[in-house]
Amino acid sequence: MFKFKRKHLSSIILFLSLLFSGCSPSLKEKSITETGSFKNNQTNNKRVVALTSLTSDLVDRLSPISLIAIPDSRLLKSKEQFKNKIVVSQGRNPPNIEKIIALKPDLVLGAKGFHDKALFKINDLGIEVISTEIKNWNDLELLTEEISNYLDVDNQSLYLLAPSCNQSPGEVSTDSTIVLVSSSPLLSPNKKSWAGSILNKFYINNLIRDIQSKSGFDGYVTLSPETLLEKNPDNIILIDTGNDMKELFLSKSYSSNLKAVKNNNIFTFNYYGLINPGSIDSINAACKKLIEL
């Protein structure tokens, strides 16, 4: 039997908690009235605090003047338009509620699960909040539309923002694929995850698509090395989380028996874009790479 150490399990729990913090709007403590139409209102005076990189990016693209505060995220640090925004959260620490309140925002956008406590406290003070959970392209479109409606601005097409994701209808690939987000344990996304939905969008034959999750994280399945060998995919996608995932995976004794390894069909993808949406640019980059798969 193959076993993994407890420290690896702790690492992957932290990894997945990061995943779910970055991603259908699911909880709306106060309903936001939909306008029913979109207006390009250049005098919009709504003040928005975004607690995730993705919501920060969306608000900035829809109404830059509305975005007043963002999280400390490497996806935003490199962009000039975010340099003058106020940072209200650092790393894995909860957002600074006092700092947020002092900014007198009209709306605070956060992630379901990770920001629940902060959002409830903020909402108790009469500020509107939206808790987001992005598990598929439709969720992202609905969130974009909801933010657009609230800000009373044009609802931009996501395909204009991320053109590489505009995939024409087609047939499911005959080549089989498995995505691995960690090597110990082996975790792979099914159709209920953002990654699984994007693979499906590109008609990639994800062998884990319909397997029910028993990992404790909805949308992710724990595989045994025996199961991976039994599935024996044509392609394996490894997620780069900064710990040299490819080297770790190929060091496993069983990996040399896999068809994908023998044929050198091992592909490395960034964590942001395929696993955690992260930003529009990272999503577009993941889509572009999937086209080339």
Protein backbone atom coordinates (compact mmCIF):
# COMPACT_ATOMS: atom_id res chain seq x y z
CA MET A 1 0.00 0.00 0.00
CA PHE A 2 1.13 3.51 -0.76
CA LYS A 3 0.96 5.96 2.14
CA PHE A 4 1.48 9.68 2.51
CA LYS A 5 2.79 11.55 5.52
CA ARG A 6 0.59 13.69 7.74
CA LYS A 7 2.64 16.78 6.89
CA HIS A 8 1.72 16.33 3.23
CA LEU A 9 -1.95 16.18 4.15
CA SER A 10 -1.61 19.41 6.15
CA SER A 11 0.06 21.06 3.17
CA ILE A 12 -2.69 20.07 0.77
CA ILE A 13 -5.41 21.22 3.19
CA LEU A 14 -3.71 24.63 3.25
CA PHE A 15 -3.40 24.52 -0.54
CA LEU A 16 -7.10 23.85 -1.02
CA SER A 17 -8.11 26.46 1.52
CA LEU A 18 -6.18 28.91 -0.65
CA LEU A 19 -8.02 27.59 -3.67
CA PHE A 20 -11.46 28.17 -2.23
CA SER A 21 -10.56 31.63 -0.94
CA GLY A 22 -9.85 32.82 -4.46
CA CYS A 23 -13.09 31.76 -6.08
CA SER A 24 -22.51 31.88 -9.06
CA PRO A 25 -22.42 34.46 -6.42
CA SER A 26 -23.69 32.27 -3.58
CA LEU A 27 -24.45 34.48 -0.58
CA LYS A 28 -25.87 37.96 -0.77
CA GLU A 29 -26.68 39.33 2.65
CA LYS A 30 -28.62 42.20 1.15
CA SER A 31 -30.20 41.82 -2.23
CA ILE A 32 -28.78 44.01 -4.94
CA THR A 33 -31.48 45.45 -7.17
CA GLU A 34 -30.91 44.59 -10.80
CA THR A 35 -31.39 47.50 -13.16
CA GLY A 36 -32.55 45.37 -16.06
CA SER A 37 -30.36 47.39 -18.39
CA PHE A 38 -26.76 48.49 -18.61
CA LYS A 39 -25.51 52.05 -18.69
CA ASN A 40 -22.09 53.45 -19.29
CA ASN A 41 -22.18 55.79 -16.33
CA GLN A 42 -18.94 57.74 -16.11
CA THR A 43 -20.08 59.52 -12.93
CA ASN A 44 -20.59 56.34 -10.95
CA ASN A 45 -19.81 57.05 -7.28
CA LYS A 46 -20.14 53.55 -5.84
CA ARG A 47 -17.28 52.59 -3.57
CA VAL A 48 -16.24 48.92 -3.71
CA VAL A 49 -13.84 46.89 -1.58
CA ALA A 50 -12.77 43.60 -3.19
CA LEU A 51 -11.21 40.91 -1.01
CA THR A 52 -10.07 38.58 -3.80
CA SER A 53 -7.81 39.12 -6.80
CA LEU A 54 -10.55 38.02 -9.22
CA THR A 55 -13.22 40.40 -7.90
CA SER A 56 -10.64 43.20 -7.78
CA ASP A 57 -9.82 42.56 -11.41
CA LEU A 58 -13.47 42.43 -12.47
CA VAL A 59 -14.41 45.66 -10.70
CA ASP A 60 -11.37 47.41 -12.14
CA ARG A 61 -12.29 46.33 -15.66
CA LEU A 62 -15.93 47.34 -15.27
CA SER A 63 -15.50 50.60 -13.33
CA PRO A 64 -11.95 51.46 -12.23
CA ILE A 65 -13.07 54.53 -10.30
CA SER A 66 -15.32 52.35 -8.09
CA LEU A 67 -12.53 50.10 -6.77
CA ILE A 68 -11.05 51.59 -3.60
CA ALA A 69 -9.41 48.63 -1.84
CA ILE A 70 -7.92 45.26 -2.71
CA PRO A 71 -6.15 42.25 -1.14
CA ASP A 72 -2.39 41.87 -1.05
CA SER A 73 -2.04 39.61 -4.10
CA ARG A 74 0.92 38.99 -6.39
CA LEU A 75 -1.51 38.92 -9.31
CA LEU A 76 -2.34 42.57 -8.63
CA LYS A 77 1.03 43.90 -7.45
CA SER A 78 2.52 43.83 -10.94
CA LYS A 79 -0.34 45.84 -12.47
CA GLU A 80 0.04 49.62 -12.57
CA GLN A 81 -3.69 50.28 -12.09
CA PHE A 82 -3.68 48.65 -8.64
CA LYS A 83 -0.64 50.41 -7.17
CA ASN A 84 -2.63 53.26 -5.63
CA LYS A 85 -5.40 51.05 -4.23
CA ILE A 86 -5.61 50.56 -0.46
CA VAL A 87 -4.65 47.07 0.74
CA VAL A 88 -7.05 45.69 3.37
CA SER A 89 -5.81 42.12 3.74
CA GLN A 90 -2.42 40.41 3.91
CA GLY A 91 -1.74 36.80 2.97
CA ARG A 92 -3.83 34.29 4.89
CA ASN A 93 -4.83 36.78 7.58
CA PRO A 94 -8.47 37.91 7.83
CA PRO A 95 -9.21 41.29 6.25
CA ASN A 96 -8.89 44.37 8.44
CA ILE A 97 -12.55 45.13 9.16
CA GLU A 98 -11.82 48.46 10.89
CA LYS A 99 -9.85 49.62 7.87
CA ILE A 100 -12.64 48.55 5.53
CA ILE A 101 -15.33 50.34 7.56
CA ALA A 102 -13.23 53.52 7.63
CA LEU A 103 -13.29 53.55 3.83
CA LYS A 104 -17.11 53.81 3.88
CA PRO A 105 -17.70 51.32 1.04
CA ASP A 106 -21.07 50.71 -0.58
CA LEU A 107 -20.20 47.10 -1.41
CA VAL A 108 -17.70 44.51 -0.20
CA LEU A 109 -16.93 41.44 -2.32
CA GLY A 110 -15.43 38.36 -0.64
CA ALA A 111 -14.97 34.62 -1.05
CA LYS A 112 -17.40 32.08 0.35
CA GLY A 113 -15.83 30.13 3.20
CA PHE A 114 -12.75 32.25 3.74
CA HIS A 115 -14.41 35.64 4.23
CA ASP A 116 -17.70 34.56 5.81
CA LYS A 117 -17.08 36.02 9.28
CA ALA A 118 -15.80 39.32 7.95
CA LEU A 119 -18.69 39.67 5.51
CA PHE A 120 -21.31 39.01 8.18
CA LYS A 121 -19.75 41.60 10.48
CA ILE A 122 -19.56 44.15 7.68
CA ASN A 123 -23.13 43.47 6.63
CA ASP A 124 -24.34 43.90 10.22
CA LEU A 125 -23.12 47.47 9.91
CA GLY A 126 -25.43 48.09 6.96
CA ILE A 127 -22.94 47.60 4.13
CA GLU A 128 -23.94 45.39 1.22
CA VAL A 129 -21.83 42.28 0.64
CA ILE A 130 -21.54 39.57 -1.96
CA SER A 131 -19.92 36.22 -1.18
CA THR A 132 -18.58 34.58 -4.32
CA GLU A 133 -17.86 30.99 -5.30
CA ILE A 134 -16.71 30.44 -8.87
CA LYS A 135 -16.96 26.81 -9.93
CA ASN A 136 -17.64 27.21 -13.65
CA TRP A 137 -17.78 29.71 -16.51
CA ASN A 138 -21.46 30.40 -15.93
CA ASP A 139 -20.73 31.41 -12.32
CA LEU A 140 -18.15 33.89 -13.60
CA GLU A 141 -20.56 35.34 -16.15
CA LEU A 142 -23.28 35.74 -13.50
CA LEU A 143 -20.88 37.47 -11.13
CA THR A 144 -19.71 39.84 -13.88
CA GLU A 145 -23.31 40.65 -14.72
CA GLU A 146 -24.21 41.20 -11.07
CA ILE A 147 -21.32 43.59 -10.49
CA SER A 148 -22.16 45.41 -13.72
CA ASN A 149 -25.77 45.82 -12.66
CA TYR A 150 -24.80 47.10 -9.24
CA LEU A 151 -22.35 49.63 -10.66
CA ASP A 152 -24.75 50.53 -13.48
CA VAL A 153 -22.11 50.03 -16.18
CA ASP A 154 -21.89 48.06 -19.42
CA ASN A 155 -21.71 44.31 -18.86
CA GLN A 156 -18.60 43.42 -20.82
CA SER A 157 -18.45 40.06 -22.55
CA LEU A 158 -16.02 37.73 -20.82
CA TYR A 159 -14.96 36.47 -24.22
CA LEU A 160 -13.78 39.97 -25.11
CA LEU A 161 -11.75 40.04 -21.89
CA ALA A 162 -10.49 36.44 -22.25
CA PRO A 163 -10.64 35.66 -26.00
CA SER A 164 -8.70 32.39 -25.72
CA CYS A 165 -11.59 30.93 -23.72
CA ASN A 166 -14.07 31.35 -26.59
CA GLN A 167 -14.06 27.71 -27.58
CA SER A 168 -16.26 26.55 -30.45
CA PRO A 169 -18.46 23.48 -29.95
CA GLY A 170 -16.64 20.25 -30.70
CA GLU A 171 -16.21 16.60 -29.84
CA VAL A 172 -14.58 15.28 -26.70
CA SER A 173 -10.92 14.45 -27.30
CA THR A 174 -10.07 10.79 -27.73
CA ASP A 175 -6.93 11.33 -25.66
CA SER A 176 -7.51 10.91 -21.93
CA THR A 177 -6.27 13.38 -19.34
CA ILE A 178 -5.88 13.61 -15.56
CA VAL A 179 -5.02 16.79 -13.67
CA LEU A 180 -3.05 16.45 -10.43
CA VAL A 181 -2.90 19.36 -7.99
CA SER A 182 -0.63 17.52 -5.56
CA SER A 183 1.51 14.39 -5.49
CA SER A 184 1.03 13.38 -1.84
CA PRO A 185 -1.86 12.74 -1.73
CA LEU A 186 -2.88 12.58 -5.37
CA LEU A 187 -5.72 15.09 -5.74
CA SER A 188 -7.57 15.51 -9.00
CA PRO A 189 -10.50 17.78 -9.98
CA ASN A 190 -13.85 16.36 -11.09
CA LYS A 191 -16.62 18.19 -12.98
CA LYS A 192 -17.77 20.09 -9.86
CA SER A 193 -14.59 22.19 -9.72
CA TRP A 194 -13.49 25.23 -11.73
CA ALA A 195 -10.69 23.15 -13.30
CA GLY A 196 -13.10 20.35 -14.20
CA SER A 197 -15.53 22.79 -15.80
CA ILE A 198 -12.78 24.39 -17.90
CA LEU A 199 -11.55 20.99 -19.07
CA ASN A 200 -15.11 20.18 -20.07
CA LYS A 201 -15.42 23.52 -21.86
CA PHE A 202 -12.45 22.53 -24.02
CA TYR A 203 -13.81 19.01 -24.61
CA ILE A 204 -10.88 17.43 -22.83
CA ASN A 205 -11.50 13.86 -21.76
CA ASN A 206 -11.01 14.21 -17.99
CA LEU A 207 -10.98 10.64 -16.62
CA ILE A 208 -11.91 11.91 -13.14
CA ARG A 209 -14.86 13.96 -14.40
CA ASP A 210 -17.65 11.78 -12.98
CA ILE A 211 -15.91 10.30 -9.95
CA GLN A 212 -17.53 11.43 -6.70
CA SER A 213 -15.38 13.36 -4.26
CA LYS A 214 -14.29 11.60 -1.07
CA SER A 215 -11.48 14.04 -0.26
CA GLY A 216 -13.51 16.33 1.99
CA PHE A 217 -13.16 19.09 -0.61
CA ASP A 218 -16.07 19.35 -3.00
CA GLY A 219 -14.84 19.05 -6.56
CA TYR A 220 -11.61 17.18 -5.77
CA VAL A 221 -11.02 13.45 -5.65
CA THR A 222 -8.27 11.66 -3.75
CA LEU A 223 -6.68 9.03 -5.99
CA SER A 224 -4.53 6.11 -4.96
CA PRO A 225 -1.46 5.34 -7.07
CA GLU A 226 -3.22 2.10 -8.00
CA THR A 227 -6.19 4.04 -9.39
CA LEU A 228 -3.90 6.35 -11.35
CA LEU A 229 -2.12 3.33 -12.83
CA GLU A 230 -5.46 1.72 -13.65
CA LYS A 231 -6.73 4.87 -15.39
CA ASN A 232 -3.35 5.28 -17.14
CA PRO A 233 -4.14 8.56 -18.96
CA ASP A 234 -2.58 9.69 -22.23
CA ASN A 235 -1.84 13.10 -20.70
CA ILE A 236 -1.13 14.28 -17.16
CA ILE A 237 -1.41 17.93 -16.19
CA LEU A 238 0.56 18.90 -13.09
CA ILE A 239 -0.14 22.12 -11.21
CA ASP A 240 2.80 24.35 -10.39
CA THR A 241 2.46 25.45 -6.77
CA GLY A 242 6.07 26.50 -6.35
CA ASN A 243 7.33 23.19 -4.95
CA ASP A 244 8.60 21.59 -8.18
CA MET A 245 5.56 19.37 -8.59
CA LYS A 246 6.94 17.68 -11.71
CA GLU A 247 10.12 16.56 -9.98
CA LEU A 248 8.17 15.30 -6.97
CA PHE A 249 5.73 13.38 -9.14
CA LEU A 250 8.37 11.80 -11.35
CA SER A 251 10.30 10.69 -8.25
CA LYS A 252 7.43 8.36 -7.29
CA SER A 253 8.29 4.74 -8.03
CA TYR A 254 5.02 4.08 -9.85
CA SER A 255 5.20 7.07 -12.21
CA SER A 256 7.55 5.39 -14.70
CA ASN A 257 4.82 2.84 -15.45
CA LEU A 258 2.38 5.49 -16.65
CA LYS A 259 1.75 5.91 -20.37
CA ALA A 260 1.86 9.71 -20.12
CA VAL A 261 5.31 9.56 -18.49
CA LYS A 262 6.67 7.07 -21.03
CA ASN A 263 5.46 9.28 -23.90
CA ASN A 264 6.61 12.52 -22.21
CA ASN A 265 3.06 13.86 -22.17
CA ILE A 266 3.46 15.64 -18.84
CA PHE A 267 2.29 19.24 -18.87
CA THR A 268 2.71 21.86 -16.15
CA PHE A 269 0.06 24.54 -15.60
CA ASN A 270 0.03 27.53 -13.29
CA TYR A 271 -2.15 27.25 -10.18
CA TYR A 272 -3.88 30.51 -11.07
CA GLY A 273 -6.12 30.17 -14.09
CA LEU A 274 -6.78 26.44 -14.11
CA ILE A 275 -7.28 25.68 -10.40
CA ASN A 276 -8.02 29.07 -8.88
CA PRO A 277 -9.41 31.53 -11.45
CA GLY A 278 -7.21 34.28 -9.96
CA SER A 279 -7.72 36.96 -12.58
CA ILE A 280 -9.02 37.40 -16.11
CA ASP A 281 -5.48 37.33 -17.50
CA SER A 282 -4.61 34.10 -15.68
CA ILE A 283 -7.85 32.49 -16.91
CA ASN A 284 -7.10 33.54 -20.47
CA ALA A 285 -3.55 32.17 -20.17
CA ALA A 286 -4.86 28.80 -18.97
CA CYS A 287 -7.35 28.65 -21.84
CA LYS A 288 -4.61 29.48 -24.34
CA LYS A 289 -2.46 26.66 -22.98
CA LEU A 290 -5.34 24.18 -23.10
CA ILE A 291 -5.81 24.96 -26.79
CA GLU A 292 -2.19 23.94 -27.35
CA LEU A 293 -2.52 20.73 -25.32
